[in-house]
Amino acid sequence: MLVLSCGIAMAGCGGDDGGESAPATVPATTVAVATTSVATTAGATTSRQPDPFVAEQVVAGDQHVCALTSDGTAYCWGYNRQGQLGDGTNTDRKVPTPVAGSTKFARLATGRYFTCGLTSAGATWCWGDNSAGQLGNGTTGAGSDSTNKNAPGLVQGNVVLQSIVTGQLHVCGVTAAGAAYCWGAYPSGQLGNASGQDQTAPGRSAAALTLKSLALGGDNHTCGLTADGTAWCWGNNTFGQLGDGKKSNASQREPSTVTGGQKFTTLALGRTHTCGLIADGSAYCWGSNTQGQLGDGTVDERLAPVRAAPSLKFASLTAGDSQTCGVTSDGAAHCWGNNGFGQLGAGTAGGQQTAPVAVTGGIKFASVSGGEEFTCGVGTDRTVYCWGSNRAGWLGDGTDVQRATPTKVKKP
């Protein structure tokens, strides 16, 4: 399930949400805001808007969201059964809740049911689900929740990283020298090494490459860029998400070059699709396209990059489960793909869009981040917004009401 913008996000699967049906959509065409009733001195009540939550970065996981404030404090909200909110509990939260401890972070990344944070000194901390060793603390639940952690724990190995990204069940990072390290789930080769099994601490990945960056998101695949803008991917390629012109159910641990000759400035990974930007702001996507998430006007699977949203140029991109969003240089957000819960932010819910639709409300965004059934973004004024499904409080507005337009996240 950041990013080109801030993350990405991640892909993925539903949690134990009890199979409840989604609440009714709010068919607004402006920014939706949950209101609070306040008693007056005359005994009457009046409605006021809650104070908005402001942050520097927001990253959407499958079923939770985390944000980083200007002083390095991490806040999370949404689904918390595996401890992915890091507040020391396993209680779902409908508004931002501070992560336990005093650690200050420089960047955050959210996986399926876990979260990791990177400090300015390059130390990595993770919390939540550890079923595949993705917390990097030397233990694994081997598919169970026996080693889950509901508060941050330091990743082993003393590897100093410059950046981190998360997939559904794995984590990767890059050092200042361009060396990649990964840990967590291995089944599809997404760790990029020959271990053949899940890893509970950082191990060298894609050792033949010197990388300048890795892409946030993905289900069971990983992608990165070398200094010349060449994109390399490894892991699952069932839907052609590696972009090498073919697809296969076999695990692919060796990085392959994305075909087409494009030189990318950044990449974003969805659950089973991949997108990237080139220097002029043109977007290209490849992989699964069942919901129109490639933005080429079709629902045809693509094994190599195709031009997405050809009428637009972007400053950043994010890929959610089966939706993609981009922010233009003037801060306008556009989304395409699955809109079953209003996650495209266009004022309606249902169906799919194979071409970009504008996110309503006139908000100027600094970045956006796609989750499984919802999307979040940070405005240029640092106000945090979310929209789409809200079954576990994912929108952070204190309610469980589904929203088809951007809703201000409530200040804790």
Protein backbone atom coordinates (compact mmCIF):
# COMPACT_ATOMS: atom_id res chain seq x y z
CA MET A 1 0.00 0.00 0.00
CA LEU A 2 3.69 7.32 0.22
CA VAL A 3 5.47 7.06 -2.82
CA LEU A 4 6.17 9.49 -4.98
CA SER A 5 4.54 11.84 -2.78
CA CYS A 6 4.94 10.41 0.63
CA GLY A 7 4.49 7.05 0.46
CA ILE A 8 2.88 4.81 -0.44
CA ALA A 9 1.21 2.72 0.14
CA MET A 10 0.47 -0.38 0.31
CA ALA A 11 -1.39 -2.86 -1.08
CA GLY A 12 -3.38 -5.35 0.09
CA CYS A 13 -5.84 -7.27 1.99
CA GLY A 14 -8.64 -6.78 4.37
CA GLY A 15 -8.25 -7.35 8.04
CA ASP A 16 -10.60 -8.68 10.66
CA ASP A 17 -13.21 -6.02 10.11
CA GLY A 18 -16.09 -8.35 10.84
CA GLY A 19 -17.31 -8.22 7.27
CA GLU A 20 -19.35 -5.11 8.01
CA SER A 21 -20.83 -3.24 5.12
CA ALA A 22 -19.49 0.18 4.22
CA PRO A 23 -21.41 3.18 5.57
CA ALA A 24 -23.29 5.37 3.16
CA THR A 25 -21.26 7.76 1.05
CA VAL A 26 -21.46 11.48 1.65
CA PRO A 27 -22.09 12.80 -1.88
CA ALA A 28 -20.58 16.19 -1.19
CA THR A 29 -18.79 18.24 -3.78
CA THR A 30 -16.79 20.28 -1.29
CA VAL A 31 -14.45 19.37 1.55
CA ALA A 32 -16.33 17.22 4.07
CA VAL A 33 -15.84 18.17 7.70
CA ALA A 34 -17.18 16.33 10.74
CA THR A 35 -18.74 18.81 13.14
CA THR A 36 -18.92 18.89 16.91
CA SER A 37 -21.86 20.14 18.97
CA VAL A 38 -20.87 22.68 21.62
CA ALA A 39 -23.07 23.89 24.49
CA THR A 40 -23.54 27.66 24.74
CA THR A 41 -24.13 29.72 27.88
CA ALA A 42 -27.79 29.95 26.98
CA GLY A 43 -28.10 26.19 27.11
CA ALA A 44 -28.44 25.79 23.33
CA THR A 45 -25.98 23.92 21.19
CA THR A 46 -24.15 25.03 18.09
CA SER A 47 -22.01 23.12 15.63
CA ARG A 48 -18.38 23.99 15.05
CA GLN A 49 -15.67 22.48 12.94
CA PRO A 50 -13.00 20.55 14.85
CA ASP A 51 -9.44 21.84 14.71
CA PRO A 52 -7.64 20.17 11.80
CA PHE A 53 -4.61 17.98 12.25
CA VAL A 54 -1.44 19.32 10.61
CA ALA A 55 1.59 17.24 9.62
CA GLU A 56 4.61 17.14 7.34
CA GLN A 57 4.04 13.62 5.99
CA VAL A 58 1.13 11.19 5.81
CA VAL A 59 1.44 7.55 4.76
CA ALA A 60 -1.48 5.20 4.23
CA GLY A 61 -1.17 1.50 4.95
CA ASP A 62 -3.71 -1.14 4.07
CA GLN A 63 -6.01 -0.32 6.96
CA HIS A 64 -4.22 2.30 9.01
CA VAL A 65 -2.61 5.69 8.51
CA CYS A 66 0.39 7.36 10.13
CA ALA A 67 1.62 10.93 10.01
CA LEU A 68 4.69 12.83 11.08
CA THR A 69 4.52 16.29 12.64
CA SER A 70 7.14 19.00 12.34
CA ASP A 71 8.84 18.03 15.61
CA GLY A 72 9.28 14.40 14.52
CA THR A 73 6.39 12.99 16.54
CA ALA A 74 4.56 10.09 14.89
CA TYR A 75 0.77 9.74 15.07
CA CYS A 76 -1.32 6.84 13.76
CA TRP A 77 -5.01 5.96 13.44
CA GLY A 78 -7.31 3.27 12.05
CA TYR A 79 -7.17 -0.50 12.45
CA ASN A 80 -4.91 -1.66 15.30
CA ARG A 81 -5.46 -5.37 15.98
CA GLN A 82 -1.77 -6.14 15.34
CA GLY A 83 -0.47 -3.09 17.18
CA GLN A 84 0.37 -1.19 14.00
CA LEU A 85 -0.59 2.15 15.54
CA GLY A 86 2.25 1.77 18.03
CA ASP A 87 0.42 3.37 20.95
CA GLY A 88 0.94 0.42 23.30
CA THR A 89 -2.56 -0.99 22.73
CA ASN A 90 -4.48 -3.05 20.21
CA THR A 91 -7.42 -0.67 20.15
CA ASP A 92 -8.65 0.85 16.89
CA ARG A 93 -8.46 4.65 16.81
CA LYS A 94 -10.68 7.09 14.88
CA VAL A 95 -8.42 10.10 15.43
CA PRO A 96 -4.63 10.49 15.38
CA THR A 97 -2.98 8.91 18.42
CA PRO A 98 0.70 9.46 19.35
CA VAL A 99 3.06 6.54 18.93
CA ALA A 100 4.48 5.38 22.26
CA GLY A 101 7.96 6.38 23.36
CA SER A 102 10.11 9.46 22.91
CA THR A 103 11.76 8.61 19.57
CA LYS A 104 11.61 11.36 16.98
CA PHE A 105 11.40 10.27 13.36
CA ALA A 106 12.45 11.77 10.04
CA ARG A 107 10.32 9.49 7.83
CA LEU A 108 7.56 6.90 8.25
CA ALA A 109 6.46 3.94 6.12
CA THR A 110 3.37 1.76 6.54
CA GLY A 111 2.97 -1.87 5.51
CA ARG A 112 -0.09 -4.08 5.64
CA TYR A 113 -0.43 -4.31 9.42
CA PHE A 114 2.85 -2.78 10.57
CA THR A 115 4.71 0.52 10.56
CA CYS A 116 8.36 1.57 10.50
CA GLY A 117 10.05 4.87 11.24
CA LEU A 118 13.51 6.15 10.35
CA THR A 119 15.34 8.61 12.57
CA SER A 120 17.56 11.41 11.28
CA ALA A 121 20.55 9.34 12.43
CA GLY A 122 19.51 6.44 10.17
CA ALA A 123 18.17 4.06 12.83
CA THR A 124 15.02 2.09 11.96
CA TRP A 125 12.22 1.29 14.41
CA CYS A 126 9.22 -0.92 13.58
CA TRP A 127 5.99 -2.01 15.30
CA GLY A 128 2.87 -4.07 14.66
CA ASP A 129 2.56 -7.37 12.81
CA ASN A 130 5.67 -9.57 12.85
CA SER A 131 4.27 -12.69 11.17
CA ALA A 132 7.09 -12.73 8.60
CA GLY A 133 9.88 -11.05 10.57
CA GLN A 134 9.11 -7.60 9.14
CA LEU A 135 9.85 -5.88 12.46
CA GLY A 136 13.50 -6.80 11.96
CA ASN A 137 14.12 -7.63 15.62
CA GLY A 138 15.43 -11.16 15.12
CA THR A 139 12.12 -12.91 15.80
CA THR A 140 9.16 -13.99 13.73
CA GLY A 141 5.66 -15.18 14.46
CA ALA A 142 5.93 -17.59 11.51
CA GLY A 143 2.46 -16.62 10.41
CA SER A 144 1.02 -16.07 13.90
CA ASP A 145 0.73 -12.96 16.07
CA SER A 146 2.93 -14.38 18.82
CA THR A 147 5.72 -11.83 18.29
CA ASN A 148 3.69 -8.77 17.31
CA LYS A 149 4.67 -5.53 19.06
CA ASN A 150 2.32 -2.65 19.81
CA ALA A 151 5.11 -0.16 20.49
CA PRO A 152 8.28 0.71 18.53
CA GLY A 153 11.28 -1.60 18.69
CA LEU A 154 14.72 -1.08 17.19
CA VAL A 155 15.62 -3.05 14.06
CA GLN A 156 18.71 -5.24 14.49
CA GLY A 157 21.96 -4.97 12.59
CA ASN A 158 23.08 -1.37 13.11
CA VAL A 159 22.61 -0.66 9.41
CA VAL A 160 22.45 3.11 8.89
CA LEU A 161 19.81 3.82 6.26
CA GLN A 162 19.07 6.97 4.32
CA SER A 163 15.52 5.94 3.44
CA ILE A 164 13.08 3.08 4.05
CA VAL A 165 10.08 1.69 2.18
CA THR A 166 7.56 -0.98 3.11
CA GLY A 167 5.66 -3.57 1.12
CA GLN A 168 2.83 -5.71 2.38
CA LEU A 169 5.03 -7.89 4.60
CA HIS A 170 8.57 -6.68 3.96
CA VAL A 171 10.81 -3.65 4.46
CA CYS A 172 13.73 -2.33 2.43
CA GLY A 173 16.11 0.56 2.85
CA VAL A 174 19.03 2.23 1.09
CA THR A 175 22.27 3.43 2.65
CA ALA A 176 24.08 6.62 1.69
CA ALA A 177 26.37 4.49 -0.48
CA GLY A 178 23.42 3.07 -2.43
CA ALA A 179 23.40 -0.40 -0.87
CA ALA A 180 19.93 -1.92 -0.42
CA TYR A 181 18.93 -3.98 2.62
CA CYS A 182 15.65 -5.86 3.06
CA TRP A 183 13.90 -8.01 5.67
CA GLY A 184 10.56 -9.72 6.23
CA ALA A 185 8.62 -11.96 3.83
CA TYR A 186 10.50 -13.69 1.02
CA PRO A 187 8.01 -15.96 -0.86
CA SER A 188 8.08 -14.10 -4.16
CA GLY A 189 11.73 -13.06 -4.04
CA GLN A 190 10.87 -9.52 -2.93
CA LEU A 191 13.90 -9.42 -0.62
CA GLY A 192 16.17 -9.60 -3.65
CA ASN A 193 18.62 -12.18 -2.31
CA ALA A 194 19.23 -15.91 -2.37
CA SER A 195 18.14 -16.69 1.18
CA GLY A 196 14.98 -18.45 0.06
CA GLN A 197 13.19 -17.71 3.31
CA ASP A 198 11.79 -14.91 5.46
CA GLN A 199 14.44 -12.72 7.08
CA THR A 200 14.15 -11.37 10.64
CA ALA A 201 16.92 -8.76 10.32
CA PRO A 202 18.29 -6.61 7.47
CA GLY A 203 20.16 -8.51 4.76
CA ARG A 204 21.84 -7.28 1.59
CA SER A 205 19.45 -6.99 -1.34
CA ALA A 206 19.99 -6.50 -5.07
CA ALA A 207 23.72 -6.65 -4.36
CA ALA A 208 24.74 -6.04 -7.96
CA LEU A 209 23.08 -2.61 -7.97
CA THR A 210 23.91 0.76 -6.52
CA LEU A 211 20.57 2.45 -5.97
CA LYS A 212 19.65 6.06 -5.39
CA SER A 213 16.12 5.24 -4.18
CA LEU A 214 13.52 2.55 -3.63
CA ALA A 215 9.78 2.74 -4.29
CA LEU A 216 7.29 2.72 -1.43
CA GLY A 217 4.45 0.22 -1.58
CA GLY A 218 3.91 -3.00 -3.45
CA ASP A 219 2.45 -6.28 -2.33
CA ASN A 220 5.16 -8.82 -3.03
CA HIS A 221 7.45 -6.87 -5.33
CA THR A 222 10.18 -4.25 -4.89
CA CYS A 223 11.54 -1.63 -7.29
CA GLY A 224 14.38 0.85 -7.22
CA LEU A 225 16.18 3.43 -9.32
CA THR A 226 19.85 3.71 -10.17
CA ALA A 227 21.53 7.10 -10.55
CA ASP A 228 20.84 7.26 -14.28
CA GLY A 229 17.09 6.80 -13.79
CA THR A 230 16.92 3.16 -14.83
CA ALA A 231 14.18 1.27 -13.00
CA TRP A 232 14.82 -2.23 -11.65
CA CYS A 233 12.23 -4.53 -10.08
CA TRP A 234 12.16 -7.96 -8.42
CA GLY A 235 9.69 -10.24 -6.67
CA ASN A 236 6.21 -11.25 -7.80
CA ASN A 237 5.45 -10.77 -11.50
CA THR A 238 2.08 -12.50 -11.83
CA PHE A 239 0.51 -9.40 -13.41
CA GLY A 240 3.55 -7.98 -15.17
CA GLN A 241 4.20 -5.51 -12.34
CA LEU A 242 7.97 -5.88 -12.78
CA GLY A 243 7.64 -4.22 -16.17
CA ASP A 244 10.15 -6.45 -17.96
CA GLY A 245 7.80 -7.37 -20.80
CA LYS A 246 6.66 -10.70 -19.42
CA LYS A 247 4.80 -12.21 -16.48
CA SER A 248 5.29 -15.32 -14.42
CA ASN A 249 4.05 -16.97 -11.23
CA ALA A 250 7.62 -17.93 -10.35
CA SER A 251 9.52 -16.01 -7.68
CA GLN A 252 12.03 -13.58 -9.16
CA ARG A 253 14.77 -12.62 -6.72
CA GLU A 254 17.13 -11.21 -9.37
CA PRO A 255 16.40 -7.59 -10.35
CA SER A 256 15.31 -7.07 -13.95
CA THR A 257 15.31 -3.83 -15.91
CA VAL A 258 11.97 -2.21 -16.63
CA THR A 259 11.64 -2.23 -20.39
CA GLY A 260 10.84 0.76 -22.57
CA GLY A 261 13.92 2.90 -22.10
CA GLN A 262 12.31 5.54 -19.86
CA LYS A 263 14.51 7.27 -17.32
CA PHE A 264 12.51 7.76 -14.16
CA THR A 265 12.84 10.29 -11.39
CA THR A 266 10.66 8.38 -8.94
CA LEU A 267 8.51 5.25 -8.66
CA ALA A 268 5.36 4.21 -6.77
CA LEU A 269 4.09 0.68 -6.20
CA GLY A 270 0.49 -0.44 -5.83
CA ARG A 271 -0.62 -3.90 -4.83
CA THR A 272 -0.08 -5.41 -8.28
CA HIS A 273 0.85 -2.40 -10.42
CA THR A 274 3.75 0.01 -10.67
CA CYS A 275 3.99 3.63 -11.82
CA GLY A 276 6.77 6.13 -12.35
CA LEU A 277 7.48 9.70 -13.38
CA ILE A 278 10.01 10.89 -15.92
CA ALA A 279 11.74 14.26 -15.79
CA ASP A 280 9.06 16.20 -17.65
CA GLY A 281 6.33 15.00 -15.27
CA SER A 282 4.82 12.40 -17.58
CA ALA A 283 3.50 9.32 -15.78
CA TYR A 284 3.91 5.72 -16.91
CA CYS A 285 2.31 2.64 -15.36
CA TRP A 286 2.36 -1.13 -15.84
CA GLY A 287 0.98 -4.36 -14.35
CA SER A 288 -2.59 -5.19 -13.33
CA ASN A 289 -5.27 -2.89 -14.69
CA THR A 290 -8.56 -4.52 -13.70
CA GLN A 291 -9.79 -1.29 -12.10
CA GLY A 292 -8.23 1.14 -14.55
CA GLN A 293 -5.37 1.88 -12.15
CA LEU A 294 -2.89 2.29 -15.01
CA GLY A 295 -4.75 5.37 -16.23
CA ASP A 296 -4.40 4.62 -19.94
CA GLY A 297 -8.13 4.62 -20.66
CA THR A 298 -8.41 0.82 -20.65
CA VAL A 299 -8.61 -2.10 -18.24
CA ASP A 300 -5.98 -4.06 -20.17
CA GLU A 301 -3.05 -5.59 -18.31
CA ARG A 302 0.29 -4.12 -19.39
CA LEU A 303 3.62 -5.92 -19.16
CA ALA A 304 5.64 -2.81 -19.98
CA PRO A 305 5.21 0.91 -19.22
CA VAL A 306 2.35 2.75 -20.91
CA ARG A 307 1.63 6.46 -20.70
CA ALA A 308 -0.82 7.19 -17.93
CA ALA A 309 -3.02 10.26 -17.69
CA PRO A 310 -1.53 11.67 -20.89
CA SER A 311 -3.22 15.05 -20.52
CA LEU A 312 -1.42 15.79 -17.24
CA LYS A 313 2.08 16.34 -15.91
CA PHE A 314 2.79 15.52 -12.27
CA ALA A 315 5.18 16.54 -9.53
CA SER A 316 4.48 13.38 -7.51
CA LEU A 317 2.54 10.10 -7.62
CA THR A 318 1.20 7.52 -5.21
CA ALA A 319 -0.22 4.06 -5.85
CA GLY A 320 -2.76 2.49 -3.52
CA ASP A 321 -4.29 -0.96 -3.61
CA SER A 322 -5.94 -0.48 -7.01
CA GLN A 323 -6.00 3.28 -7.38
CA THR A 324 -3.35 5.79 -8.44
CA CYS A 325 -3.15 9.51 -7.71
CA GLY A 326 -0.89 12.30 -8.83
CA VAL A 327 -0.28 15.88 -7.74
CA THR A 328 0.51 18.48 -10.38
CA SER A 329 3.02 21.27 -9.92
CA ASP A 330 0.22 23.65 -8.90
CA GLY A 331 -0.98 21.30 -6.14
CA ALA A 332 -4.05 19.88 -7.88
CA ALA A 333 -4.67 16.18 -7.16
CA HIS A 334 -6.06 13.75 -9.72
CA CYS A 335 -6.87 10.07 -9.18
CA TRP A 336 -7.89 7.06 -11.26
CA GLY A 337 -8.71 3.38 -10.79
CA ASN A 338 -11.02 1.76 -8.25
CA ASN A 339 -13.63 4.11 -6.80
CA GLY A 340 -15.77 1.61 -4.93
CA PHE A 341 -15.59 3.60 -1.70
CA GLY A 342 -15.00 7.10 -3.03
CA GLN A 343 -11.22 6.77 -2.71
CA LEU A 344 -10.71 8.87 -5.85
CA GLY A 345 -12.12 11.88 -4.02
CA ALA A 346 -14.26 13.02 -6.94
CA GLY A 347 -17.52 13.36 -4.99
CA THR A 348 -19.05 10.00 -5.91
CA ALA A 349 -18.49 6.38 -4.95
CA GLY A 350 -18.80 3.24 -7.05
CA GLY A 351 -17.28 1.81 -10.20
CA GLN A 352 -13.93 2.67 -11.64
CA GLN A 353 -12.21 5.39 -13.63
CA THR A 354 -9.74 4.52 -16.37
CA ALA A 355 -8.69 8.16 -16.80
CA PRO A 356 -7.92 10.84 -14.20
CA VAL A 357 -10.65 12.63 -12.26
CA ALA A 358 -9.97 15.73 -10.20
CA VAL A 359 -10.08 15.48 -6.42
CA THR A 360 -12.80 17.92 -5.41
CA GLY A 361 -12.67 20.76 -2.92
CA GLY A 362 -10.11 23.06 -4.49
CA ILE A 363 -7.40 21.94 -2.06
CA LYS A 364 -3.77 22.46 -2.98
CA PHE A 365 -1.84 19.34 -1.99
CA ALA A 366 1.81 18.88 -1.18
CA SER A 367 1.48 15.09 -1.37
CA VAL A 368 -1.00 12.21 -1.37
CA SER A 369 -0.81 8.58 -0.23
CA GLY A 370 -3.08 5.70 -1.25
CA GLY A 371 -4.33 2.96 1.07
CA GLU A 372 -6.47 -0.06 0.34
CA GLU A 373 -9.92 1.55 0.17
CA PHE A 374 -9.06 5.16 0.99
CA THR A 375 -6.61 7.95 0.18
CA CYS A 376 -4.99 10.64 2.33
CA GLY A 377 -3.07 13.79 1.56
CA VAL A 378 -1.25 16.75 3.07
CA GLY A 379 -2.25 20.21 1.91
CA THR A 380 0.29 22.89 1.16
CA ASP A 381 -0.79 24.44 4.46
CA ARG A 382 0.04 21.07 6.14
CA THR A 383 -3.61 20.26 6.89
CA VAL A 384 -4.18 16.49 6.61
CA TYR A 385 -7.18 15.17 4.64
CA CYS A 386 -8.50 11.65 3.98
CA TRP A 387 -11.34 10.26 1.85
CA GLY A 388 -12.90 6.93 0.90
CA SER A 389 -13.92 4.03 3.15
CA ASN A 390 -13.92 4.68 6.90
CA ARG A 391 -14.83 1.32 8.41
CA ALA A 392 -12.08 1.32 11.03
CA GLY A 393 -11.70 5.05 11.46
CA TRP A 394 -9.26 5.29 8.55
CA LEU A 395 -10.24 8.86 7.72
CA GLY A 396 -9.28 10.09 11.17
CA ASP A 397 -12.27 12.42 11.52
CA GLY A 398 -13.64 10.73 14.65
CA THR A 399 -16.41 8.93 12.77
CA ASP A 400 -16.90 5.79 10.70
CA VAL A 401 -18.74 7.66 7.92
CA GLN A 402 -17.57 7.00 4.38
CA ARG A 403 -16.53 10.15 2.48
CA ALA A 404 -16.23 10.68 -1.28
CA THR A 405 -14.52 14.06 -0.90
CA PRO A 406 -11.52 15.15 1.20
CA THR A 407 -12.27 15.30 4.92
CA LYS A 408 -10.08 17.08 7.43
CA VAL A 409 -8.42 14.73 9.89
CA LYS A 410 -9.31 15.72 13.43
CA LYS A 411 -6.69 17.20 15.70
CA PRO A 412 -6.02 14.87 18.67
